[in-house]
């Protein structure tokens, strides 16, 4: 791109965020090149690894913000963008992993999968992870140039979880769904 560096620094305030909690992403761009950074795009991506017969990855953007402010050559900019990945904003998208059924009111985007050391990852069905992706769109030489715009990007993994929900609580909810509401059991 250039013999002079373009520095991109992205930072999250913590590693774990809860459903419905805003995610502030601080982005610092130091542009020592002769080109202009046209746009800063920040996304939250859900990565679902479906481990059945083969391992397939599905990546979907579940939140996005953009800064249209340009970063001129030999300048620096720092911006904090707030992202809010919610199912309510993604109901029309296909292929997004959820914690329940789409028709249920209390359903969220799927929580991040946490696996203890020593557990075989191939036994599970769907592994869910989240990452913040920061992209810089850098201009070509001029409007008549045949060179395409270039992109510089970085990724920050984080966990999206339920607050105050233990594995035992989730298992109890699942068990209650299997037991008839009257409390009667069939023989």
N, C-alpha and C. Protein backbone atom coordinates (compact mmCIF):
# COMPACT_ATOMS: atom_id res chain seq x y z
N UNK A 1 0.82 -1.18 0.00
CA UNK A 1 0.00 0.00 0.00
C UNK A 1 0.87 1.25 0.00
N UNK A 2 1.82 1.34 0.94
CA UNK A 2 2.68 2.51 1.04
C UNK A 2 3.89 2.12 1.86
N UNK A 3 4.99 2.86 1.66
CA UNK A 3 6.18 2.58 2.45
C UNK A 3 6.04 3.15 3.86
N UNK A 4 5.10 4.06 4.05
CA UNK A 4 4.85 4.64 5.36
C UNK A 4 3.69 3.89 6.01
N UNK A 5 3.72 3.76 7.34
CA UNK A 5 2.72 2.91 7.99
C UNK A 5 1.36 3.56 8.20
N UNK A 6 0.36 2.69 8.21
CA UNK A 6 -1.00 3.04 8.61
C UNK A 6 -1.28 2.19 9.84
N UNK A 7 -1.47 2.83 10.98
CA UNK A 7 -1.69 2.10 12.24
C UNK A 7 -3.17 2.09 12.58
N UNK A 8 -3.66 0.89 12.88
CA UNK A 8 -5.04 0.71 13.33
C UNK A 8 -4.98 0.06 14.70
N UNK A 9 -5.60 0.71 15.67
CA UNK A 9 -5.66 0.16 17.02
C UNK A 9 -7.12 0.13 17.43
N UNK A 10 -7.59 -1.04 17.87
CA UNK A 10 -8.96 -1.19 18.34
C UNK A 10 -8.92 -1.80 19.73
N UNK A 11 -9.86 -1.35 20.58
CA UNK A 11 -9.83 -1.78 21.97
C UNK A 11 -11.26 -1.95 22.49
N UNK A 12 -11.47 -3.03 23.24
CA UNK A 12 -12.72 -3.26 23.96
C UNK A 12 -12.46 -2.99 25.43
N UNK A 13 -13.49 -2.57 26.15
CA UNK A 13 -13.32 -2.25 27.57
C UNK A 13 -13.21 -3.50 28.44
N UNK A 14 -13.71 -4.64 27.93
CA UNK A 14 -13.64 -5.89 28.68
C UNK A 14 -13.83 -7.06 27.71
N UNK A 15 -13.72 -8.28 28.24
CA UNK A 15 -13.80 -9.47 27.39
C UNK A 15 -15.21 -10.06 27.32
N UNK A 16 -16.01 -9.87 28.37
CA UNK A 16 -17.34 -10.47 28.43
C UNK A 16 -18.40 -9.37 28.46
N UNK A 17 -19.38 -9.48 27.56
CA UNK A 17 -20.51 -8.57 27.52
C UNK A 17 -21.78 -9.40 27.65
N UNK A 18 -22.83 -8.78 28.20
CA UNK A 18 -24.09 -9.47 28.40
C UNK A 18 -25.10 -9.05 27.33
N UNK A 19 -26.05 -9.94 27.06
CA UNK A 19 -27.10 -9.64 26.08
C UNK A 19 -27.78 -8.32 26.46
N UNK A 20 -27.93 -7.42 25.49
CA UNK A 20 -28.56 -6.13 25.72
C UNK A 20 -27.62 -5.05 26.21
N UNK A 21 -26.38 -5.39 26.47
CA UNK A 21 -25.39 -4.41 26.95
C UNK A 21 -24.67 -3.78 25.76
N UNK A 22 -24.57 -2.45 25.73
CA UNK A 22 -23.82 -1.80 24.65
C UNK A 22 -22.34 -2.19 24.69
N UNK A 23 -21.74 -2.32 23.52
CA UNK A 23 -20.33 -2.69 23.40
C UNK A 23 -19.57 -1.49 22.83
N UNK A 24 -18.84 -0.76 23.69
CA UNK A 24 -18.05 0.36 23.18
C UNK A 24 -16.74 -0.13 22.57
N UNK A 25 -16.46 0.30 21.36
CA UNK A 25 -15.22 -0.07 20.66
C UNK A 25 -14.46 1.22 20.39
N UNK A 26 -13.26 1.33 20.96
CA UNK A 26 -12.44 2.52 20.74
C UNK A 26 -11.45 2.22 19.62
N UNK A 27 -11.49 3.05 18.59
CA UNK A 27 -10.66 2.86 17.40
C UNK A 27 -9.75 4.07 17.25
N UNK A 28 -8.45 3.80 17.10
CA UNK A 28 -7.48 4.86 16.83
C UNK A 28 -6.79 4.55 15.51
N UNK A 29 -6.81 5.52 14.60
CA UNK A 29 -6.17 5.37 13.30
C UNK A 29 -5.10 6.45 13.18
N UNK A 30 -3.87 6.02 12.95
CA UNK A 30 -2.77 6.94 12.68
C UNK A 30 -2.37 6.72 11.23
N UNK A 31 -2.64 7.71 10.41
CA UNK A 31 -2.43 7.60 8.97
C UNK A 31 -1.16 8.35 8.57
N UNK A 32 -0.07 7.62 8.43
CA UNK A 32 1.20 8.20 7.99
C UNK A 32 1.41 8.02 6.49
N UNK A 33 0.40 7.52 5.79
CA UNK A 33 0.53 7.27 4.35
C UNK A 33 0.19 8.54 3.58
N UNK A 34 0.24 8.43 2.26
CA UNK A 34 -0.14 9.54 1.40
C UNK A 34 -1.59 9.41 0.92
N UNK A 35 -2.28 8.39 1.42
CA UNK A 35 -3.66 8.13 1.02
C UNK A 35 -4.61 8.54 2.14
N UNK A 36 -5.88 8.66 1.78
CA UNK A 36 -6.91 9.05 2.74
C UNK A 36 -7.71 7.83 3.16
N UNK A 37 -7.94 7.69 4.46
CA UNK A 37 -8.85 6.66 4.96
C UNK A 37 -10.26 7.24 4.81
N UNK A 38 -11.05 6.62 3.93
CA UNK A 38 -12.37 7.15 3.58
C UNK A 38 -13.45 6.81 4.61
N UNK A 39 -13.32 5.63 5.23
CA UNK A 39 -14.39 5.15 6.09
C UNK A 39 -13.84 4.21 7.14
N UNK A 40 -14.44 4.24 8.33
CA UNK A 40 -14.15 3.28 9.40
C UNK A 40 -15.44 2.52 9.65
N UNK A 41 -15.39 1.21 9.49
CA UNK A 41 -16.57 0.37 9.68
C UNK A 41 -16.27 -0.61 10.83
N UNK A 42 -17.19 -0.68 11.79
CA UNK A 42 -17.03 -1.58 12.94
C UNK A 42 -18.25 -2.51 12.97
N UNK A 43 -17.99 -3.82 13.03
CA UNK A 43 -19.05 -4.82 13.02
C UNK A 43 -18.91 -5.77 14.19
N UNK A 44 -20.03 -6.30 14.66
CA UNK A 44 -20.02 -7.47 15.53
C UNK A 44 -20.44 -8.63 14.66
N UNK A 45 -19.60 -9.66 14.62
CA UNK A 45 -19.90 -10.84 13.81
C UNK A 45 -20.11 -12.05 14.71
N UNK A 46 -21.15 -12.81 14.39
CA UNK A 46 -21.40 -14.08 15.06
C UNK A 46 -20.82 -15.17 14.17
N UNK A 47 -19.98 -16.01 14.75
CA UNK A 47 -19.38 -17.12 14.01
C UNK A 47 -19.93 -18.42 14.60
N UNK A 48 -20.69 -19.16 13.80
CA UNK A 48 -21.26 -20.43 14.24
C UNK A 48 -20.51 -21.56 13.53
N UNK A 49 -19.88 -22.40 14.32
CA UNK A 49 -19.17 -23.56 13.80
C UNK A 49 -20.08 -24.77 14.01
N UNK A 50 -20.66 -25.27 12.92
CA UNK A 50 -21.56 -26.41 13.00
C UNK A 50 -20.72 -27.67 12.84
N UNK A 51 -20.60 -28.41 13.94
CA UNK A 51 -19.77 -29.62 13.96
C UNK A 51 -20.70 -30.83 13.94
N UNK A 52 -20.95 -31.35 12.76
CA UNK A 52 -21.74 -32.56 12.63
C UNK A 52 -20.89 -33.58 11.87
N UNK A 53 -21.13 -33.74 10.59
CA UNK A 53 -20.32 -34.65 9.79
C UNK A 53 -19.04 -33.97 9.34
N UNK A 54 -19.12 -32.68 9.13
CA UNK A 54 -17.95 -31.88 8.79
C UNK A 54 -18.03 -30.61 9.63
N UNK A 55 -17.02 -29.80 9.54
CA UNK A 55 -16.99 -28.57 10.31
C UNK A 55 -17.24 -27.38 9.38
N UNK A 56 -18.44 -26.82 9.45
CA UNK A 56 -18.81 -25.68 8.61
C UNK A 56 -18.88 -24.42 9.47
N UNK A 57 -18.37 -23.31 8.93
CA UNK A 57 -18.41 -22.03 9.63
C UNK A 57 -19.37 -21.09 8.92
N UNK A 58 -20.20 -20.42 9.71
CA UNK A 58 -21.13 -19.42 9.19
C UNK A 58 -20.90 -18.12 9.95
N UNK A 59 -20.57 -17.06 9.23
CA UNK A 59 -20.29 -15.77 9.84
C UNK A 59 -21.35 -14.77 9.40
N UNK A 60 -22.01 -14.15 10.38
CA UNK A 60 -23.07 -13.18 10.11
C UNK A 60 -22.82 -11.92 10.93
N UNK A 61 -22.95 -10.77 10.28
CA UNK A 61 -22.86 -9.49 11.00
C UNK A 61 -24.17 -9.28 11.75
N UNK A 62 -24.09 -9.03 13.07
CA UNK A 62 -25.29 -8.83 13.88
C UNK A 62 -25.40 -7.40 14.41
N UNK A 63 -24.38 -6.57 14.17
CA UNK A 63 -24.42 -5.14 14.51
C UNK A 63 -23.35 -4.44 13.70
N UNK A 64 -23.61 -3.17 13.32
CA UNK A 64 -22.63 -2.43 12.52
C UNK A 64 -22.78 -0.93 12.74
N UNK A 65 -21.65 -0.24 12.79
CA UNK A 65 -21.61 1.22 12.83
C UNK A 65 -20.50 1.68 11.89
N UNK A 66 -20.68 2.87 11.32
CA UNK A 66 -19.68 3.43 10.41
C UNK A 66 -19.38 4.87 10.78
N UNK A 67 -18.14 5.26 10.54
CA UNK A 67 -17.72 6.65 10.68
C UNK A 67 -17.38 7.14 9.28
N UNK A 68 -18.08 8.15 8.82
CA UNK A 68 -17.83 8.69 7.48
C UNK A 68 -16.72 9.74 7.48
N UNK A 69 -16.29 10.14 8.66
CA UNK A 69 -15.24 11.16 8.78
C UNK A 69 -13.93 10.61 8.21
N UNK A 70 -13.31 11.36 7.32
CA UNK A 70 -12.08 10.91 6.66
C UNK A 70 -10.87 11.15 7.56
N UNK A 71 -9.88 10.26 7.41
CA UNK A 71 -8.61 10.43 8.11
C UNK A 71 -7.59 10.82 7.04
N UNK A 72 -7.24 12.07 7.03
CA UNK A 72 -6.33 12.62 6.02
C UNK A 72 -4.91 12.10 6.23
N UNK A 73 -4.06 12.17 5.19
CA UNK A 73 -2.66 11.77 5.35
C UNK A 73 -1.99 12.55 6.49
N UNK A 74 -1.11 11.86 7.19
CA UNK A 74 -0.34 12.43 8.30
C UNK A 74 -1.23 12.99 9.41
N UNK A 75 -2.29 12.26 9.74
CA UNK A 75 -3.15 12.68 10.84
C UNK A 75 -3.60 11.46 11.64
N UNK A 76 -4.18 11.74 12.81
CA UNK A 76 -4.65 10.69 13.71
C UNK A 76 -6.07 11.01 14.15
N UNK A 77 -6.87 9.97 14.31
CA UNK A 77 -8.24 10.13 14.80
C UNK A 77 -8.52 9.02 15.81
N UNK A 78 -9.26 9.35 16.85
CA UNK A 78 -9.72 8.37 17.82
C UNK A 78 -11.22 8.53 17.97
N UNK A 79 -11.94 7.43 17.82
CA UNK A 79 -13.40 7.44 17.93
C UNK A 79 -13.83 6.24 18.76
N UNK A 80 -14.91 6.42 19.52
CA UNK A 80 -15.53 5.31 20.23
C UNK A 80 -16.91 5.10 19.63
N UNK A 81 -17.12 3.91 19.10
CA UNK A 81 -18.40 3.55 18.50
C UNK A 81 -19.10 2.56 19.41
N UNK A 82 -20.40 2.71 19.54
CA UNK A 82 -21.19 1.84 20.41
C UNK A 82 -21.99 0.88 19.54
N UNK A 83 -21.78 -0.42 19.77
CA UNK A 83 -22.49 -1.46 19.03
C UNK A 83 -23.44 -2.18 19.98
N UNK A 84 -24.60 -2.57 19.48
CA UNK A 84 -25.59 -3.26 20.29
C UNK A 84 -26.16 -4.44 19.51
N UNK A 85 -25.54 -5.62 19.66
CA UNK A 85 -26.04 -6.79 18.93
C UNK A 85 -27.30 -7.34 19.61
N UNK A 86 -28.43 -7.15 18.96
CA UNK A 86 -29.72 -7.61 19.49
C UNK A 86 -30.45 -8.45 18.45
N UNK A 87 -31.19 -9.43 18.93
CA UNK A 87 -32.01 -10.23 18.02
C UNK A 87 -33.07 -9.35 17.36
N UNK A 88 -33.59 -8.37 18.08
CA UNK A 88 -34.64 -7.49 17.53
C UNK A 88 -34.20 -6.81 16.24
N UNK A 89 -32.91 -6.53 16.11
CA UNK A 89 -32.39 -5.88 14.90
C UNK A 89 -32.00 -6.88 13.82
N UNK A 90 -32.14 -8.17 14.10
CA UNK A 90 -31.69 -9.21 13.17
C UNK A 90 -32.75 -10.26 12.89
N UNK A 91 -34.00 -9.99 13.22
CA UNK A 91 -35.06 -10.99 13.06
C UNK A 91 -35.26 -11.45 11.62
N UNK A 92 -34.98 -10.60 10.66
CA UNK A 92 -35.19 -10.95 9.25
C UNK A 92 -34.01 -11.70 8.64
N UNK A 93 -32.90 -11.75 9.34
CA UNK A 93 -31.71 -12.43 8.80
C UNK A 93 -31.84 -13.93 8.98
N UNK A 94 -31.36 -14.66 8.01
CA UNK A 94 -31.36 -16.13 8.07
C UNK A 94 -29.98 -16.62 8.50
N UNK A 95 -29.97 -17.75 9.18
CA UNK A 95 -28.71 -18.39 9.52
C UNK A 95 -28.03 -17.86 10.77
N UNK A 96 -28.76 -17.17 11.63
CA UNK A 96 -28.18 -16.67 12.88
C UNK A 96 -28.52 -17.66 13.99
N UNK A 97 -27.53 -18.00 14.82
CA UNK A 97 -27.74 -18.92 15.94
C UNK A 97 -28.43 -18.18 17.08
N UNK A 98 -29.44 -18.84 17.68
CA UNK A 98 -30.23 -18.26 18.76
C UNK A 98 -30.16 -19.14 20.00
N UNK A 99 -30.54 -18.55 21.15
CA UNK A 99 -30.61 -19.31 22.40
C UNK A 99 -31.94 -20.04 22.56
N UNK A 100 -32.89 -19.81 21.69
CA UNK A 100 -34.20 -20.45 21.79
C UNK A 100 -34.89 -20.38 20.45
N UNK A 101 -36.22 -20.39 20.49
CA UNK A 101 -37.00 -20.31 19.26
C UNK A 101 -37.25 -18.85 18.89
N UNK A 102 -37.31 -18.56 17.62
CA UNK A 102 -37.50 -17.19 17.14
C UNK A 102 -38.82 -16.60 17.63
N UNK A 103 -39.86 -17.44 17.78
CA UNK A 103 -41.16 -16.94 18.20
C UNK A 103 -41.23 -16.62 19.69
N UNK A 104 -40.31 -17.14 20.49
CA UNK A 104 -40.31 -16.86 21.93
C UNK A 104 -39.85 -15.44 22.20
N UNK A 105 -40.51 -14.79 23.17
CA UNK A 105 -40.20 -13.40 23.47
C UNK A 105 -38.84 -13.23 24.15
N UNK A 106 -38.45 -14.19 24.97
CA UNK A 106 -37.21 -14.04 25.74
C UNK A 106 -35.99 -14.64 25.04
N UNK A 107 -36.09 -14.87 23.75
CA UNK A 107 -34.97 -15.42 22.99
C UNK A 107 -33.94 -14.33 22.69
N UNK A 108 -32.68 -14.72 22.75
CA UNK A 108 -31.57 -13.82 22.42
C UNK A 108 -30.74 -14.43 21.30
N UNK A 109 -29.79 -13.65 20.81
CA UNK A 109 -28.74 -14.24 19.98
C UNK A 109 -28.08 -15.31 20.83
N UNK A 110 -27.55 -16.34 20.21
CA UNK A 110 -26.91 -17.42 20.97
C UNK A 110 -25.76 -16.88 21.79
N UNK A 111 -25.63 -17.40 23.00
CA UNK A 111 -24.50 -17.03 23.84
C UNK A 111 -23.24 -17.70 23.32
N UNK A 112 -22.11 -17.13 23.66
CA UNK A 112 -20.83 -17.72 23.27
C UNK A 112 -20.69 -19.09 23.91
N UNK A 113 -20.14 -20.02 23.17
CA UNK A 113 -19.89 -21.35 23.69
C UNK A 113 -18.59 -21.34 24.47
N UNK A 114 -18.64 -21.85 25.69
CA UNK A 114 -17.41 -21.99 26.47
C UNK A 114 -17.15 -23.47 26.66
N UNK A 115 -15.94 -23.88 26.38
CA UNK A 115 -15.56 -25.29 26.46
C UNK A 115 -14.41 -25.41 27.44
N UNK A 116 -14.56 -26.31 28.40
CA UNK A 116 -13.50 -26.55 29.37
C UNK A 116 -12.37 -27.32 28.69
N UNK A 117 -11.16 -27.12 29.20
CA UNK A 117 -10.01 -27.85 28.66
C UNK A 117 -10.23 -29.35 28.78
N UNK A 118 -9.83 -30.08 27.77
CA UNK A 118 -9.93 -31.52 27.79
C UNK A 118 -11.21 -32.08 27.19
N UNK A 119 -12.17 -31.23 26.85
CA UNK A 119 -13.41 -31.70 26.25
C UNK A 119 -13.25 -31.71 24.73
N UNK A 120 -13.66 -32.81 24.12
CA UNK A 120 -13.54 -32.97 22.67
C UNK A 120 -14.55 -32.06 21.97
N UNK A 121 -14.06 -31.13 21.17
CA UNK A 121 -14.93 -30.16 20.49
C UNK A 121 -15.79 -30.80 19.41
N UNK A 122 -15.42 -31.96 18.91
CA UNK A 122 -16.19 -32.59 17.84
C UNK A 122 -17.46 -33.24 18.35
N UNK A 123 -17.62 -33.39 19.67
CA UNK A 123 -18.82 -34.01 20.23
C UNK A 123 -20.00 -33.04 20.16
N UNK A 124 -19.73 -31.77 20.25
CA UNK A 124 -20.79 -30.77 20.29
C UNK A 124 -21.40 -30.53 18.91
N UNK A 125 -22.56 -29.89 18.88
CA UNK A 125 -23.23 -29.63 17.62
C UNK A 125 -22.91 -28.28 17.02
N UNK A 126 -23.13 -27.18 17.78
CA UNK A 126 -22.88 -25.84 17.27
C UNK A 126 -22.06 -25.06 18.29
N UNK A 127 -20.92 -24.58 17.85
CA UNK A 127 -20.06 -23.74 18.69
C UNK A 127 -20.23 -22.30 18.22
N UNK A 128 -20.54 -21.39 19.14
CA UNK A 128 -20.80 -20.00 18.78
C UNK A 128 -19.73 -19.10 19.39
N UNK A 129 -19.21 -18.20 18.58
CA UNK A 129 -18.22 -17.22 19.04
C UNK A 129 -18.59 -15.86 18.45
N UNK A 130 -18.08 -14.81 19.08
CA UNK A 130 -18.32 -13.45 18.60
C UNK A 130 -16.99 -12.72 18.47
N UNK A 131 -16.97 -11.78 17.53
CA UNK A 131 -15.79 -10.94 17.36
C UNK A 131 -16.23 -9.56 16.86
N UNK A 132 -15.45 -8.56 17.24
CA UNK A 132 -15.60 -7.23 16.69
C UNK A 132 -14.61 -7.14 15.55
N UNK A 133 -15.06 -6.71 14.40
CA UNK A 133 -14.19 -6.53 13.24
C UNK A 133 -14.16 -5.05 12.89
N UNK A 134 -12.96 -4.49 12.81
CA UNK A 134 -12.79 -3.08 12.45
C UNK A 134 -12.13 -3.03 11.08
N UNK A 135 -12.78 -2.32 10.14
CA UNK A 135 -12.26 -2.20 8.77
C UNK A 135 -12.01 -0.73 8.45
N UNK A 136 -10.88 -0.49 7.82
CA UNK A 136 -10.59 0.83 7.27
C UNK A 136 -10.68 0.72 5.75
N UNK A 137 -11.41 1.63 5.12
CA UNK A 137 -11.49 1.68 3.66
C UNK A 137 -10.55 2.80 3.23
N UNK A 138 -9.50 2.43 2.48
CA UNK A 138 -8.46 3.38 2.07
C UNK A 138 -8.62 3.67 0.58
N UNK A 139 -8.52 4.95 0.23
CA UNK A 139 -8.72 5.36 -1.17
C UNK A 139 -7.55 4.95 -2.04
N UNK A 140 -7.84 4.91 -3.37
CA UNK A 140 -6.78 4.73 -4.36
C UNK A 140 -6.08 6.06 -4.59
N UNK A 141 -5.31 6.18 -5.66
CA UNK A 141 -4.55 7.41 -5.90
C UNK A 141 -5.42 8.60 -6.26
N UNK A 142 -6.41 8.41 -7.15
CA UNK A 142 -7.31 9.50 -7.50
C UNK A 142 -8.61 8.92 -8.06
N UNK A 143 -9.52 9.77 -8.43
CA UNK A 143 -10.83 9.32 -8.91
C UNK A 143 -10.74 8.56 -10.22
N UNK A 144 -9.68 8.79 -11.01
CA UNK A 144 -9.54 8.13 -12.31
C UNK A 144 -8.59 6.94 -12.26
N UNK A 145 -8.11 6.61 -11.09
CA UNK A 145 -7.16 5.51 -10.95
C UNK A 145 -7.85 4.17 -11.17
N UNK A 146 -7.13 3.24 -11.76
CA UNK A 146 -7.67 1.90 -11.95
C UNK A 146 -7.41 1.03 -10.72
N UNK A 147 -6.70 1.58 -9.74
CA UNK A 147 -6.45 0.83 -8.51
C UNK A 147 -7.71 0.81 -7.64
N UNK A 148 -8.08 -0.36 -7.15
CA UNK A 148 -9.27 -0.41 -6.30
C UNK A 148 -8.95 0.14 -4.91
N UNK A 149 -10.02 0.43 -4.19
CA UNK A 149 -9.84 0.81 -2.79
C UNK A 149 -9.29 -0.39 -2.04
N UNK A 150 -8.48 -0.13 -1.05
CA UNK A 150 -7.95 -1.23 -0.26
C UNK A 150 -8.55 -1.19 1.14
N UNK A 151 -8.47 -2.30 1.83
CA UNK A 151 -9.01 -2.41 3.18
C UNK A 151 -7.93 -2.87 4.13
N UNK A 152 -7.98 -2.35 5.33
CA UNK A 152 -7.13 -2.80 6.43
C UNK A 152 -8.10 -3.18 7.53
N UNK A 153 -7.89 -4.34 8.16
CA UNK A 153 -8.84 -4.74 9.20
C UNK A 153 -8.14 -5.46 10.35
N UNK A 154 -8.84 -5.52 11.46
CA UNK A 154 -8.39 -6.28 12.62
C UNK A 154 -9.63 -6.85 13.31
N UNK A 155 -9.42 -7.88 14.13
CA UNK A 155 -10.53 -8.54 14.81
C UNK A 155 -10.23 -8.67 16.30
N UNK A 156 -11.27 -8.50 17.12
CA UNK A 156 -11.17 -8.63 18.56
C UNK A 156 -12.21 -9.64 19.04
N UNK A 157 -11.80 -10.80 19.54
CA UNK A 157 -12.79 -11.75 20.04
C UNK A 157 -13.33 -11.30 21.40
N UNK A 158 -14.59 -11.63 21.66
CA UNK A 158 -15.19 -11.37 22.96
C UNK A 158 -16.27 -12.41 23.19
N UNK A 159 -16.78 -12.47 24.43
CA UNK A 159 -17.85 -13.41 24.75
C UNK A 159 -19.14 -12.65 25.02
N UNK A 160 -20.23 -13.16 24.47
CA UNK A 160 -21.57 -12.62 24.69
C UNK A 160 -22.33 -13.65 25.51
N UNK A 161 -22.76 -13.26 26.71
CA UNK A 161 -23.34 -14.22 27.66
C UNK A 161 -24.62 -13.68 28.28
N UNK A 162 -25.30 -14.57 29.02
CA UNK A 162 -26.44 -14.18 29.85
C UNK A 162 -25.90 -13.76 31.21
N UNK A 163 -26.43 -12.70 31.80
CA UNK A 163 -26.01 -12.36 33.15
C UNK A 163 -26.67 -13.31 34.16
N UNK A 164 -25.92 -13.73 35.16
CA UNK A 164 -26.45 -14.52 36.28
C UNK A 164 -27.15 -15.81 35.89
N UNK A 165 -26.77 -16.41 34.79
CA UNK A 165 -27.34 -17.71 34.43
C UNK A 165 -26.24 -18.75 34.49
N UNK A 166 -26.39 -19.67 35.39
CA UNK A 166 -25.41 -20.74 35.49
C UNK A 166 -25.83 -21.89 34.60
N UNK A 167 -24.93 -22.80 34.38
CA UNK A 167 -25.24 -23.98 33.58
C UNK A 167 -26.36 -24.79 34.22
N UNK A 168 -26.37 -24.87 35.55
CA UNK A 168 -27.41 -25.60 36.25
C UNK A 168 -28.79 -24.97 35.99
N UNK A 169 -28.87 -23.66 36.03
CA UNK A 169 -30.14 -22.96 35.77
C UNK A 169 -30.64 -23.24 34.36
N UNK A 170 -29.75 -23.20 33.39
CA UNK A 170 -30.13 -23.47 32.00
C UNK A 170 -30.60 -24.92 31.85
N UNK A 171 -29.91 -25.85 32.53
CA UNK A 171 -30.32 -27.26 32.47
C UNK A 171 -31.70 -27.45 33.11
N UNK A 172 -31.96 -26.74 34.21
CA UNK A 172 -33.27 -26.85 34.87
C UNK A 172 -34.37 -26.32 33.96
N UNK A 173 -34.12 -25.24 33.25
CA UNK A 173 -35.11 -24.72 32.31
C UNK A 173 -35.40 -25.74 31.22
N UNK A 174 -34.37 -26.39 30.74
CA UNK A 174 -34.55 -27.40 29.70
C UNK A 174 -35.34 -28.59 30.23
N UNK A 175 -35.05 -29.01 31.46
CA UNK A 175 -35.78 -30.13 32.06
C UNK A 175 -37.26 -29.77 32.25
N UNK A 176 -37.54 -28.54 32.70
CA UNK A 176 -38.93 -28.11 32.90
C UNK A 176 -39.71 -28.11 31.60
N UNK A 177 -39.05 -27.88 30.50
CA UNK A 177 -39.72 -27.88 29.21
C UNK A 177 -40.16 -29.29 28.82
N UNK A 178 -39.48 -30.31 29.37
CA UNK A 178 -39.81 -31.70 29.04
C UNK A 178 -40.88 -32.28 29.96
N UNK A 179 -41.09 -31.69 31.15
CA UNK A 179 -42.06 -32.20 32.13
C UNK A 179 -43.42 -31.56 31.86
N UNK A 180 -44.51 -32.34 31.86
CA UNK A 180 -45.83 -31.76 31.62
C UNK A 180 -46.16 -30.68 32.65
N UNK A 181 -46.90 -29.65 32.24
CA UNK A 181 -47.21 -28.51 33.10
C UNK A 181 -48.07 -28.89 34.29
N UNK A 182 -48.87 -29.96 34.22
CA UNK A 182 -49.75 -30.35 35.31
C UNK A 182 -49.00 -31.00 36.45
N UNK A 183 -47.79 -31.40 36.21
CA UNK A 183 -47.02 -32.09 37.24
C UNK A 183 -47.27 -33.59 37.23
N UNK A 184 -48.18 -34.06 36.39
CA UNK A 184 -48.46 -35.48 36.30
C UNK A 184 -47.44 -36.14 35.40
N UNK A 185 -47.15 -37.36 35.70
CA UNK A 185 -46.26 -38.13 34.83
C UNK A 185 -47.04 -39.30 34.27
N UNK A 186 -46.69 -39.71 33.09
CA UNK A 186 -47.36 -40.86 32.48
C UNK A 186 -46.55 -42.10 32.74
N UNK A 187 -47.26 -43.24 32.86
CA UNK A 187 -46.58 -44.50 33.14
C UNK A 187 -46.62 -45.41 31.95
